[in-house]
Amino acid sequence: MENLNKDLILREKLAIERTYMANQTTFLSFLRTSMYFFVAGLTIGNLLKTENTEIMIVIFFSISFILLFTGVVNFIVHHRWIKRNTQHVGNYKMEYIKDKDGDRF
């Protein structure tokens, strides 16, 4: 039965690792989208030569920086939340303590 306890703890640690990776993937998605808008702003300036080109460039750059800022804040908030709640994972000692009759509860 001791192996079962280790398996449960391992399962929970792996779940935390998956959560960390999901948080990193989300941040990279924000970063990728931000870069797309930044490149779009650079490209619009070279492709279009109209009166409103500067306004569109500023809009694309603004969206890019807003997405980057939102992604960084989101990553930091979730990273701290995961780290803070990690200490409560894997504590299954009460499940495997024997009572007076020798039975496990």
PDB file of N, CA and C in Angstrom:
ATOM      1  N   MET A   1       0.807  -1.199   0.000  1.00  0.00           N
ATOM      2  CA  MET A   1       0.000   0.000   0.000  1.00  0.00           C
ATOM      3  C   MET A   1       0.849   1.262   0.000  1.00  0.00           C
ATOM      4  N   GLU A   2       2.108   1.148   0.415  1.00  0.00           N
ATOM      5  CA  GLU A   2       2.971   2.330   0.450  1.00  0.00           C
ATOM      6  C   GLU A   2       3.224   2.863  -0.962  1.00  0.00           C
ATOM      7  N   ASN A   3       3.283   1.945  -1.962  1.00  0.00           N
ATOM      8  CA  ASN A   3       3.467   2.387  -3.339  1.00  0.00           C
ATOM      9  C   ASN A   3       2.300   3.223  -3.821  1.00  0.00           C
ATOM     10  N   LEU A   4       1.104   2.916  -3.358  1.00  0.00           N
ATOM     11  CA  LEU A   4      -0.069   3.682  -3.748  1.00  0.00           C
ATOM     12  C   LEU A   4       0.065   5.123  -3.288  1.00  0.00           C
ATOM     13  N   ASN A   5       0.565   5.309  -2.081  1.00  0.00           N
ATOM     14  CA  ASN A   5       0.763   6.656  -1.571  1.00  0.00           C
ATOM     15  C   ASN A   5       1.757   7.423  -2.439  1.00  0.00           C
ATOM     16  N   LYS A   6       2.849   6.794  -2.825  1.00  0.00           N
ATOM     17  CA  LYS A   6       3.833   7.458  -3.680  1.00  0.00           C
ATOM     18  C   LYS A   6       3.236   7.759  -5.049  1.00  0.00           C
ATOM     19  N   ASP A   7       2.420   6.847  -5.568  1.00  0.00           N
ATOM     20  CA  ASP A   7       1.792   7.088  -6.867  1.00  0.00           C
ATOM     21  C   ASP A   7       0.875   8.298  -6.810  1.00  0.00           C
ATOM     22  N   LEU A   8       0.134   8.436  -5.737  1.00  0.00           N
ATOM     23  CA  LEU A   8      -0.750   9.587  -5.620  1.00  0.00           C
ATOM     24  C   LEU A   8       0.046  10.883  -5.562  1.00  0.00           C
ATOM     25  N   ILE A   9       1.137  10.876  -4.810  1.00  0.00           N
ATOM     26  CA  ILE A   9       1.954  12.074  -4.735  1.00  0.00           C
ATOM     27  C   ILE A   9       2.583  12.373  -6.094  1.00  0.00           C
ATOM     28  N   LEU A  10       3.074  11.348  -6.781  1.00  0.00           N
ATOM     29  CA  LEU A  10       3.655  11.536  -8.108  1.00  0.00           C
ATOM     30  C   LEU A  10       2.607  12.078  -9.075  1.00  0.00           C
ATOM     31  N   ARG A  11       1.404  11.543  -9.009  1.00  0.00           N
ATOM     32  CA  ARG A  11       0.331  12.014  -9.890  1.00  0.00           C
ATOM     33  C   ARG A  11       0.058  13.499  -9.666  1.00  0.00           C
ATOM     34  N   GLU A  12       0.049  13.913  -8.410  1.00  0.00           N
ATOM     35  CA  GLU A  12      -0.209  15.318  -8.113  1.00  0.00           C
ATOM     36  C   GLU A  12       0.949  16.209  -8.562  1.00  0.00           C
ATOM     37  N   LYS A  13       2.186  15.742  -8.402  1.00  0.00           N
ATOM     38  CA  LYS A  13       3.324  16.524  -8.867  1.00  0.00           C
ATOM     39  C   LYS A  13       3.298  16.675 -10.387  1.00  0.00           C
ATOM     40  N   LEU A  14       2.922  15.614 -11.068  1.00  0.00           N
ATOM     41  CA  LEU A  14       2.818  15.699 -12.527  1.00  0.00           C
ATOM     42  C   LEU A  14       1.700  16.644 -12.957  1.00  0.00           C
ATOM     43  N   ALA A  15       0.622  16.675 -12.198  1.00  0.00           N
ATOM     44  CA  ALA A  15      -0.463  17.612 -12.496  1.00  0.00           C
ATOM     45  C   ALA A  15       0.012  19.056 -12.337  1.00  0.00           C
ATOM     46  N   ILE A  16       0.830  19.297 -11.337  1.00  0.00           N
ATOM     47  CA  ILE A  16       1.371  20.646 -11.143  1.00  0.00           C
ATOM     48  C   ILE A  16       2.296  21.017 -12.295  1.00  0.00           C
ATOM     49  N   GLU A  17       3.118  20.069 -12.739  1.00  0.00           N
ATOM     50  CA  GLU A  17       4.004  20.337 -13.867  1.00  0.00           C
ATOM     51  C   GLU A  17       3.205  20.647 -15.127  1.00  0.00           C
ATOM     52  N   ARG A  18       2.108  19.910 -15.348  1.00  0.00           N
ATOM     53  CA  ARG A  18       1.251  20.196 -16.507  1.00  0.00           C
ATOM     54  C   ARG A  18       0.652  21.591 -16.394  1.00  0.00           C
ATOM     55  N   THR A  19       0.303  21.994 -15.189  1.00  0.00           N
ATOM     56  CA  THR A  19      -0.271  23.320 -14.986  1.00  0.00           C
ATOM     57  C   THR A  19       0.771  24.397 -15.264  1.00  0.00           C
ATOM     58  N   TYR A  20       2.011  24.194 -14.805  1.00  0.00           N
ATOM     59  CA  TYR A  20       3.091  25.129 -15.119  1.00  0.00           C
ATOM     60  C   TYR A  20       3.284  25.249 -16.627  1.00  0.00           C
ATOM     61  N   MET A  21       3.307  24.106 -17.311  1.00  0.00           N
ATOM     62  CA  MET A  21       3.506  24.133 -18.759  1.00  0.00           C
ATOM     63  C   MET A  21       2.336  24.805 -19.477  1.00  0.00           C
ATOM     64  N   ALA A  22       1.133  24.600 -18.996  1.00  0.00           N
ATOM     65  CA  ALA A  22      -0.024  25.265 -19.602  1.00  0.00           C
ATOM     66  C   ALA A  22       0.073  26.776 -19.418  1.00  0.00           C
ATOM     67  N   ASN A  23       0.547  27.198 -18.248  1.00  0.00           N
ATOM     68  CA  ASN A  23       0.730  28.626 -18.001  1.00  0.00           C
ATOM     69  C   ASN A  23       1.787  29.198 -18.943  1.00  0.00           C
ATOM     70  N   GLN A  24       2.870  28.487 -19.147  1.00  0.00           N
ATOM     71  CA  GLN A  24       3.915  28.937 -20.071  1.00  0.00           C
ATOM     72  C   GLN A  24       3.407  28.976 -21.512  1.00  0.00           C
ATOM     73  N   THR A  25       2.624  27.985 -21.880  1.00  0.00           N
ATOM     74  CA  THR A  25       2.062  27.948 -23.232  1.00  0.00           C
ATOM     75  C   THR A  25       1.129  29.128 -23.465  1.00  0.00           C
ATOM     76  N   THR A  26       0.343  29.460 -22.453  1.00  0.00           N
ATOM     77  CA  THR A  26      -0.557  30.611 -22.572  1.00  0.00           C
ATOM     78  C   THR A  26       0.239  31.898 -22.733  1.00  0.00           C
ATOM     79  N   PHE A  27       1.313  32.035 -21.953  1.00  0.00           N
ATOM     80  CA  PHE A  27       2.158  33.220 -22.091  1.00  0.00           C
ATOM     81  C   PHE A  27       2.763  33.300 -23.495  1.00  0.00           C
ATOM     82  N   LEU A  28       3.245  32.173 -24.003  1.00  0.00           N
ATOM     83  CA  LEU A  28       3.824  32.180 -25.338  1.00  0.00           C
ATOM     84  C   LEU A  28       2.787  32.513 -26.412  1.00  0.00           C
ATOM     85  N   SER A  29       1.544  32.144 -26.186  1.00  0.00           N
ATOM     86  CA  SER A  29       0.470  32.499 -27.122  1.00  0.00           C
ATOM     87  C   SER A  29       0.233  34.005 -27.113  1.00  0.00           C
ATOM     88  N   PHE A  30       0.228  34.601 -25.922  1.00  0.00           N
ATOM     89  CA  PHE A  30       0.112  36.057 -25.835  1.00  0.00           C
ATOM     90  C   PHE A  30       1.286  36.723 -26.554  1.00  0.00           C
ATOM     91  N   LEU A  31       2.488  36.217 -26.322  1.00  0.00           N
ATOM     92  CA  LEU A  31       3.681  36.785 -26.937  1.00  0.00           C
ATOM     93  C   LEU A  31       3.625  36.670 -28.461  1.00  0.00           C
ATOM     94  N   ARG A  32       3.224  35.525 -28.955  1.00  0.00           N
ATOM     95  CA  ARG A  32       3.132  35.310 -30.403  1.00  0.00           C
ATOM     96  C   ARG A  32       2.115  36.262 -31.033  1.00  0.00           C
ATOM     97  N   THR A  33       0.954  36.393 -30.400  1.00  0.00           N
ATOM     98  CA  THR A  33      -0.080  37.276 -30.929  1.00  0.00           C
ATOM     99  C   THR A  33       0.386  38.726 -30.890  1.00  0.00           C
ATOM    100  N   SER A  34       1.079  39.098 -29.823  1.00  0.00           N
ATOM    101  CA  SER A  34       1.618  40.456 -29.715  1.00  0.00           C
ATOM    102  C   SER A  34       2.608  40.727 -30.836  1.00  0.00           C
ATOM    103  N   MET A  35       3.456  39.763 -31.123  1.00  0.00           N
ATOM    104  CA  MET A  35       4.438  39.941 -32.194  1.00  0.00           C
ATOM    105  C   MET A  35       3.755  40.038 -33.559  1.00  0.00           C
ATOM    106  N   TYR A  36       2.677  39.287 -33.754  1.00  0.00           N
ATOM    107  CA  TYR A  36       1.942  39.377 -35.022  1.00  0.00           C
ATOM    108  C   TYR A  36       1.392  40.791 -35.230  1.00  0.00           C
ATOM    109  N   PHE A  37       0.820  41.361 -34.184  1.00  0.00           N
ATOM    110  CA  PHE A  37       0.291  42.720 -34.312  1.00  0.00           C
ATOM    111  C   PHE A  37       1.421  43.725 -34.527  1.00  0.00           C
ATOM    112  N   PHE A  38       2.568  43.520 -33.883  1.00  0.00           N
ATOM    113  CA  PHE A  38       3.706  44.416 -34.072  1.00  0.00           C
ATOM    114  C   PHE A  38       4.214  44.356 -35.511  1.00  0.00           C
ATOM    115  N   VAL A  39       4.343  43.155 -36.035  1.00  0.00           N
ATOM    116  CA  VAL A  39       4.796  42.985 -37.421  1.00  0.00           C
ATOM    117  C   VAL A  39       3.754  43.549 -38.388  1.00  0.00           C
ATOM    118  N   ALA A  40       2.480  43.377 -38.059  1.00  0.00           N
ATOM    119  CA  ALA A  40       1.431  43.946 -38.911  1.00  0.00           C
ATOM    120  C   ALA A  40       1.539  45.468 -38.946  1.00  0.00           C
ATOM    121  N   GLY A  41       1.851  46.075 -37.798  1.00  0.00           N
ATOM    122  CA  GLY A  41       2.033  47.525 -37.774  1.00  0.00           C
ATOM    123  C   GLY A  41       3.208  47.969 -38.625  1.00  0.00           C
ATOM    124  N   LEU A  42       4.296  47.206 -38.572  1.00  0.00           N
ATOM    125  CA  LEU A  42       5.456  47.537 -39.410  1.00  0.00           C
ATOM    126  C   LEU A  42       5.137  47.356 -40.892  1.00  0.00           C
ATOM    127  N   THR A  43       4.414  46.320 -41.214  1.00  0.00           N
ATOM    128  CA  THR A  43       4.102  46.013 -42.609  1.00  0.00           C
ATOM    129  C   THR A  43       3.113  47.009 -43.200  1.00  0.00           C
ATOM    130  N   ILE A  44       2.140  47.422 -42.422  1.00  0.00           N
ATOM    131  CA  ILE A  44       1.136  48.382 -42.910  1.00  0.00           C
ATOM    132  C   ILE A  44       1.817  49.670 -43.376  1.00  0.00           C
ATOM    133  N   GLY A  45       2.836  50.093 -42.626  1.00  0.00           N
ATOM    134  CA  GLY A  45       3.546  51.318 -42.998  1.00  0.00           C
ATOM    135  C   GLY A  45       4.228  51.213 -44.343  1.00  0.00           C
ATOM    136  N   ASN A  46       4.709  50.038 -44.689  1.00  0.00           N
ATOM    137  CA  ASN A  46       5.403  49.861 -45.968  1.00  0.00           C
ATOM    138  C   ASN A  46       4.453  49.584 -47.126  1.00  0.00           C
ATOM    139  N   LEU A  47       3.318  48.960 -46.837  1.00  0.00           N
ATOM    140  CA  LEU A  47       2.395  48.600 -47.914  1.00  0.00           C
ATOM    141  C   LEU A  47       1.462  49.738 -48.315  1.00  0.00           C
ATOM    142  N   LEU A  48       0.933  50.431 -47.337  1.00  0.00           N
ATOM    143  CA  LEU A  48      -0.056  51.464 -47.631  1.00  0.00           C
ATOM    144  C   LEU A  48       0.556  52.848 -47.510  1.00  0.00           C
ATOM    145  N   LYS A  49       0.246  53.682 -48.424  1.00  0.00           N
ATOM    146  CA  LYS A  49       0.694  55.071 -48.379  1.00  0.00           C
ATOM    147  C   LYS A  49      -0.537  55.975 -48.447  1.00  0.00           C
ATOM    148  N   THR A  50      -1.367  55.911 -47.414  1.00  0.00           N
ATOM    149  CA  THR A  50      -2.571  56.739 -47.350  1.00  0.00           C
ATOM    150  C   THR A  50      -2.449  57.707 -46.175  1.00  0.00           C
ATOM    151  N   GLU A  51      -3.489  58.521 -46.013  1.00  0.00           N
ATOM    152  CA  GLU A  51      -3.495  59.507 -44.938  1.00  0.00           C
ATOM    153  C   GLU A  51      -3.613  58.848 -43.561  1.00  0.00           C
ATOM    154  N   ASN A  52      -4.303  57.734 -43.480  1.00  0.00           N
ATOM    155  CA  ASN A  52      -4.566  57.101 -42.187  1.00  0.00           C
ATOM    156  C   ASN A  52      -3.559  56.013 -41.825  1.00  0.00           C
ATOM    157  N   THR A  53      -2.469  55.921 -42.539  1.00  0.00           N
ATOM    158  CA  THR A  53      -1.492  54.872 -42.274  1.00  0.00           C
ATOM    159  C   THR A  53      -0.892  55.002 -40.878  1.00  0.00           C
ATOM    160  N   GLU A  54      -0.541  56.224 -40.478  1.00  0.00           N
ATOM    161  CA  GLU A  54       0.060  56.423 -39.160  1.00  0.00           C
ATOM    162  C   GLU A  54      -0.898  56.035 -38.039  1.00  0.00           C
ATOM    163  N   ILE A  55      -2.166  56.302 -38.226  1.00  0.00           N
ATOM    164  CA  ILE A  55      -3.170  55.942 -37.210  1.00  0.00           C
ATOM    165  C   ILE A  55      -3.262  54.424 -37.094  1.00  0.00           C
ATOM    166  N   MET A  56      -3.278  53.738 -38.231  1.00  0.00           N
ATOM    167  CA  MET A  56      -3.339  52.272 -38.188  1.00  0.00           C
ATOM    168  C   MET A  56      -2.081  51.677 -37.567  1.00  0.00           C
ATOM    169  N   ILE A  57      -0.922  52.269 -37.846  1.00  0.00           N
ATOM    170  CA  ILE A  57       0.323  51.788 -37.238  1.00  0.00           C
ATOM    171  C   ILE A  57       0.262  51.937 -35.726  1.00  0.00           C
ATOM    172  N   VAL A  58      -0.189  53.083 -35.259  1.00  0.00           N
ATOM    173  CA  VAL A  58      -0.300  53.324 -33.820  1.00  0.00           C
ATOM    174  C   VAL A  58      -1.293  52.348 -33.191  1.00  0.00           C
ATOM    175  N   ILE A  59      -2.393  52.061 -33.866  1.00  0.00           N
ATOM    176  CA  ILE A  59      -3.387  51.114 -33.356  1.00  0.00           C
ATOM    177  C   ILE A  59      -2.783  49.718 -33.232  1.00  0.00           C
ATOM    178  N   PHE A  60      -2.084  49.267 -34.279  1.00  0.00           N
ATOM    179  CA  PHE A  60      -1.470  47.935 -34.228  1.00  0.00           C
ATOM    180  C   PHE A  60      -0.402  47.845 -33.146  1.00  0.00           C
ATOM    181  N   PHE A  61       0.434  48.880 -33.024  1.00  0.00           N
ATOM    182  CA  PHE A  61       1.459  48.877 -31.982  1.00  0.00           C
ATOM    183  C   PHE A  61       0.828  48.901 -30.589  1.00  0.00           C
ATOM    184  N   SER A  62      -0.241  49.657 -30.430  1.00  0.00           N
ATOM    185  CA  SER A  62      -0.925  49.729 -29.131  1.00  0.00           C
ATOM    186  C   SER A  62      -1.511  48.372 -28.747  1.00  0.00           C
ATOM    187  N   ILE A  63      -2.159  47.733 -29.697  1.00  0.00           N
ATOM    188  CA  ILE A  63      -2.715  46.402 -29.438  1.00  0.00           C
ATOM    189  C   ILE A  63      -1.594  45.432 -29.083  1.00  0.00           C
ATOM    190  N   SER A  64      -0.470  45.539 -29.775  1.00  0.00           N
ATOM    191  CA  SER A  64       0.674  44.671 -29.508  1.00  0.00           C
ATOM    192  C   SER A  64       1.171  44.845 -28.076  1.00  0.00           C
ATOM    193  N   PHE A  65       1.353  46.074 -27.643  1.00  0.00           N
ATOM    194  CA  PHE A  65       1.868  46.317 -26.290  1.00  0.00           C
ATOM    195  C   PHE A  65       0.844  45.953 -25.217  1.00  0.00           C
ATOM    196  N   ILE A  66      -0.424  46.164 -25.503  1.00  0.00           N
ATOM    197  CA  ILE A  66      -1.476  45.769 -24.545  1.00  0.00           C
ATOM    198  C   ILE A  66      -1.484  44.248 -24.381  1.00  0.00           C
ATOM    199  N   LEU A  67      -1.387  43.522 -25.486  1.00  0.00           N
ATOM    200  CA  LEU A  67      -1.341  42.060 -25.408  1.00  0.00           C
ATOM    201  C   LEU A  67      -0.103  41.561 -24.666  1.00  0.00           C
ATOM    202  N   LEU A  68       1.033  42.184 -24.920  1.00  0.00           N
ATOM    203  CA  LEU A  68       2.254  41.790 -24.225  1.00  0.00           C
ATOM    204  C   LEU A  68       2.132  42.046 -22.724  1.00  0.00           C
ATOM    205  N   PHE A  69       1.647  43.210 -22.351  1.00  0.00           N
ATOM    206  CA  PHE A  69       1.479  43.542 -20.938  1.00  0.00           C
ATOM    207  C   PHE A  69       0.484  42.594 -20.270  1.00  0.00           C
ATOM    208  N   THR A  70      -0.640  42.329 -20.937  1.00  0.00           N
ATOM    209  CA  THR A  70      -1.651  41.418 -20.392  1.00  0.00           C
ATOM    210  C   THR A  70      -1.076  40.010 -20.222  1.00  0.00           C
ATOM    211  N   GLY A  71      -0.302  39.549 -21.191  1.00  0.00           N
ATOM    212  CA  GLY A  71       0.301  38.222 -21.100  1.00  0.00           C
ATOM    213  C   GLY A  71       1.284  38.108 -19.948  1.00  0.00           C
ATOM    214  N   VAL A  72       2.111  39.137 -19.754  1.00  0.00           N
ATOM    215  CA  VAL A  72       3.086  39.110 -18.655  1.00  0.00           C
ATOM    216  C   VAL A  72       2.378  39.117 -17.309  1.00  0.00           C
ATOM    217  N   VAL A  73       1.384  39.988 -17.161  1.00  0.00           N
ATOM    218  CA  VAL A  73       0.630  40.049 -15.898  1.00  0.00           C
ATOM    219  C   VAL A  73      -0.086  38.729 -15.643  1.00  0.00           C
ATOM    220  N   ASN A  74      -0.726  38.170 -16.663  1.00  0.00           N
ATOM    221  CA  ASN A  74      -1.426  36.897 -16.529  1.00  0.00           C
ATOM    222  C   ASN A  74      -0.471  35.789 -16.099  1.00  0.00           C
ATOM    223  N   PHE A  75       0.714  35.743 -16.721  1.00  0.00           N
ATOM    224  CA  PHE A  75       1.697  34.716 -16.382  1.00  0.00           C
ATOM    225  C   PHE A  75       2.149  34.850 -14.928  1.00  0.00           C
ATOM    226  N   ILE A  76       2.467  36.061 -14.505  1.00  0.00           N
ATOM    227  CA  ILE A  76       2.954  36.271 -13.135  1.00  0.00           C
ATOM    228  C   ILE A  76       1.889  35.931 -12.113  1.00  0.00           C
ATOM    229  N   VAL A  77       0.662  36.367 -12.348  1.00  0.00           N
ATOM    230  CA  VAL A  77      -0.427  36.091 -11.399  1.00  0.00           C
ATOM    231  C   VAL A  77      -0.663  34.591 -11.268  1.00  0.00           C
ATOM    232  N   HIS A  78      -0.741  33.895 -12.388  1.00  0.00           N
ATOM    233  CA  HIS A  78      -0.990  32.455 -12.330  1.00  0.00           C
ATOM    234  C   HIS A  78       0.214  31.679 -11.785  1.00  0.00           C
ATOM    235  N   HIS A  79       1.415  32.147 -12.101  1.00  0.00           N
ATOM    236  CA  HIS A  79       2.611  31.483 -11.569  1.00  0.00           C
ATOM    237  C   HIS A  79       2.635  31.571 -10.046  1.00  0.00           C
ATOM    238  N   ARG A  80       2.333  32.739  -9.508  1.00  0.00           N
ATOM    239  CA  ARG A  80       2.292  32.895  -8.046  1.00  0.00           C
ATOM    240  C   ARG A  80       1.178  32.055  -7.440  1.00  0.00           C
ATOM    241  N   TRP A  81       0.031  31.997  -8.108  1.00  0.00           N
ATOM    242  CA  TRP A  81      -1.096  31.220  -7.587  1.00  0.00           C
ATOM    243  C   TRP A  81      -0.746  29.732  -7.546  1.00  0.00           C
ATOM    244  N   ILE A  82      -0.120  29.233  -8.597  1.00  0.00           N
ATOM    245  CA  ILE A  82       0.273  27.818  -8.639  1.00  0.00           C
ATOM    246  C   ILE A  82       1.303  27.529  -7.553  1.00  0.00           C
ATOM    247  N   LYS A  83       2.300  28.412  -7.430  1.00  0.00           N
ATOM    248  CA  LYS A  83       3.345  28.204  -6.437  1.00  0.00           C
ATOM    249  C   LYS A  83       2.777  28.235  -5.012  1.00  0.00           C
ATOM    250  N   ARG A  84       1.848  29.149  -4.757  1.00  0.00           N
ATOM    251  CA  ARG A  84       1.257  29.267  -3.427  1.00  0.00           C
ATOM    252  C   ARG A  84       0.416  28.044  -3.076  1.00  0.00           C
ATOM    253  N   ASN A  85      -0.260  27.459  -4.031  1.00  0.00           N
ATOM    254  CA  ASN A  85      -1.146  26.327  -3.759  1.00  0.00           C
ATOM    255  C   ASN A  85      -0.462  24.974  -3.898  1.00  0.00           C
ATOM    256  N   THR A  86       0.791  24.943  -4.268  1.00  0.00           N
ATOM    257  CA  THR A  86       1.518  23.689  -4.412  1.00  0.00           C
ATOM    258  C   THR A  86       1.748  23.014  -3.069  1.00  0.00           C
ATOM    259  N   GLN A  87       1.894  23.770  -2.012  1.00  0.00           N
ATOM    260  CA  GLN A  87       2.211  23.203  -0.704  1.00  0.00           C
ATOM    261  C   GLN A  87       1.102  22.294  -0.170  1.00  0.00           C
ATOM    262  N   HIS A  88      -0.100  22.423  -0.663  1.00  0.00           N
ATOM    263  CA  HIS A  88      -1.221  21.629  -0.163  1.00  0.00           C
ATOM    264  C   HIS A  88      -1.448  20.348  -0.949  1.00  0.00           C
ATOM    265  N   VAL A  89      -0.648  20.099  -1.950  1.00  0.00           N
ATOM    266  CA  VAL A  89      -0.850  18.952  -2.819  1.00  0.00           C
ATOM    267  C   VAL A  89      -0.024  17.775  -2.310  1.00  0.00           C
ATOM    268  N   GLY A  90      -0.580  16.571  -2.392  1.00  0.00           N
ATOM    269  CA  GLY A  90       0.147  15.364  -2.067  1.00  0.00           C
ATOM    270  C   GLY A  90       0.121  14.977  -0.604  1.00  0.00           C
ATOM    271  N   ASN A  91      -0.743  15.555   0.184  1.00  0.00           N
ATOM    272  CA  ASN A  91      -0.811  15.222   1.604  1.00  0.00           C
ATOM    273  C   ASN A  91      -1.931  14.206   1.809  1.00  0.00           C
ATOM    274  N   TYR A  92      -1.609  12.931   1.682  1.00  0.00           N
ATOM    275  CA  TYR A  92      -2.608  11.863   1.780  1.00  0.00           C
ATOM    276  C   TYR A  92      -2.374  10.995   3.008  1.00  0.00           C
ATOM    277  N   LYS A  93      -1.657  11.500   3.985  1.00  0.00           N
ATOM    278  CA  LYS A  93      -1.314  10.688   5.153  1.00  0.00           C
ATOM    279  C   LYS A  93      -2.549  10.185   5.890  1.00  0.00           C
ATOM    280  N   MET A  94      -3.569  10.991   5.989  1.00  0.00           N
ATOM    281  CA  MET A  94      -4.765  10.586   6.731  1.00  0.00           C
ATOM    282  C   MET A  94      -5.467   9.402   6.064  1.00  0.00           C
ATOM    283  N   GLU A  95      -5.339   9.264   4.765  1.00  0.00           N
ATOM    284  CA  GLU A  95      -5.982   8.152   4.064  1.00  0.00           C
ATOM    285  C   GLU A  95      -5.340   6.816   4.400  1.00  0.00           C
ATOM    286  N   TYR A  96      -4.083   6.818   4.808  1.00  0.00           N
ATOM    287  CA  TYR A  96      -3.338   5.583   4.973  1.00  0.00           C
ATOM    288  C   TYR A  96      -2.978   5.281   6.426  1.00  0.00           C
ATOM    289  N   ILE A  97      -3.552   6.023   7.345  1.00  0.00           N
ATOM    290  CA  ILE A  97      -3.309   5.749   8.758  1.00  0.00           C
ATOM    291  C   ILE A  97      -4.218   4.616   9.209  1.00  0.00           C
ATOM    292  N   LYS A  98      -3.637   3.646   9.904  1.00  0.00           N
ATOM    293  CA  LYS A  98      -4.418   2.508  10.378  1.00  0.00           C
ATOM    294  C   LYS A  98      -5.182   2.892  11.629  1.00  0.00           C
ATOM    295  N   ASP A  99      -6.415   2.416  11.735  1.00  0.00           N
ATOM    296  CA  ASP A  99      -7.155   2.632  12.975  1.00  0.00           C
ATOM    297  C   ASP A  99      -6.831   1.488  13.959  1.00  0.00           C
ATOM    298  N   LYS A 100      -7.482   1.430  15.084  1.00  0.00           N
ATOM    299  CA  LYS A 100      -7.171   0.456  16.143  1.00  0.00           C
ATOM    300  C   LYS A 100      -7.386  -0.980  15.695  1.00  0.00           C
ATOM    301  N   ASP A 101      -8.307  -1.243  14.794  1.00  0.00           N
ATOM    302  CA  ASP A 101      -8.583  -2.592  14.307  1.00  0.00           C
ATOM    303  C   ASP A 101      -7.600  -3.038  13.232  1.00  0.00           C
ATOM    304  N   GLY A 102      -6.744  -2.170  12.805  1.00  0.00           N
ATOM    305  CA  GLY A 102      -5.784  -2.516  11.753  1.00  0.00           C
ATOM    306  C   GLY A 102      -6.302  -2.199  10.361  1.00  0.00           C
ATOM    307  N   ASP A 103      -7.523  -1.716  10.285  1.00  0.00           N
ATOM    308  CA  ASP A 103      -8.083  -1.365   8.989  1.00  0.00           C
ATOM    309  C   ASP A 103      -7.604   0.042   8.594  1.00  0.00           C
ATOM    310  N   ARG A 104      -7.545   0.217   7.319  1.00  0.00           N
ATOM    311  CA  ARG A 104      -7.186   1.564   6.814  1.00  0.00           C
ATOM    312  C   ARG A 104      -8.472   2.307   6.505  1.00  0.00           C
ATOM    313  N   PHE A 105      -8.423   3.590   6.755  1.00  0.00           N
ATOM    314  CA  PHE A 105      -9.597   4.377   6.347  1.00  0.00           C
ATOM    315  C   PHE A 105      -9.221   5.402   5.357  1.00  0.00           C
TER     316      PHE A 105
END
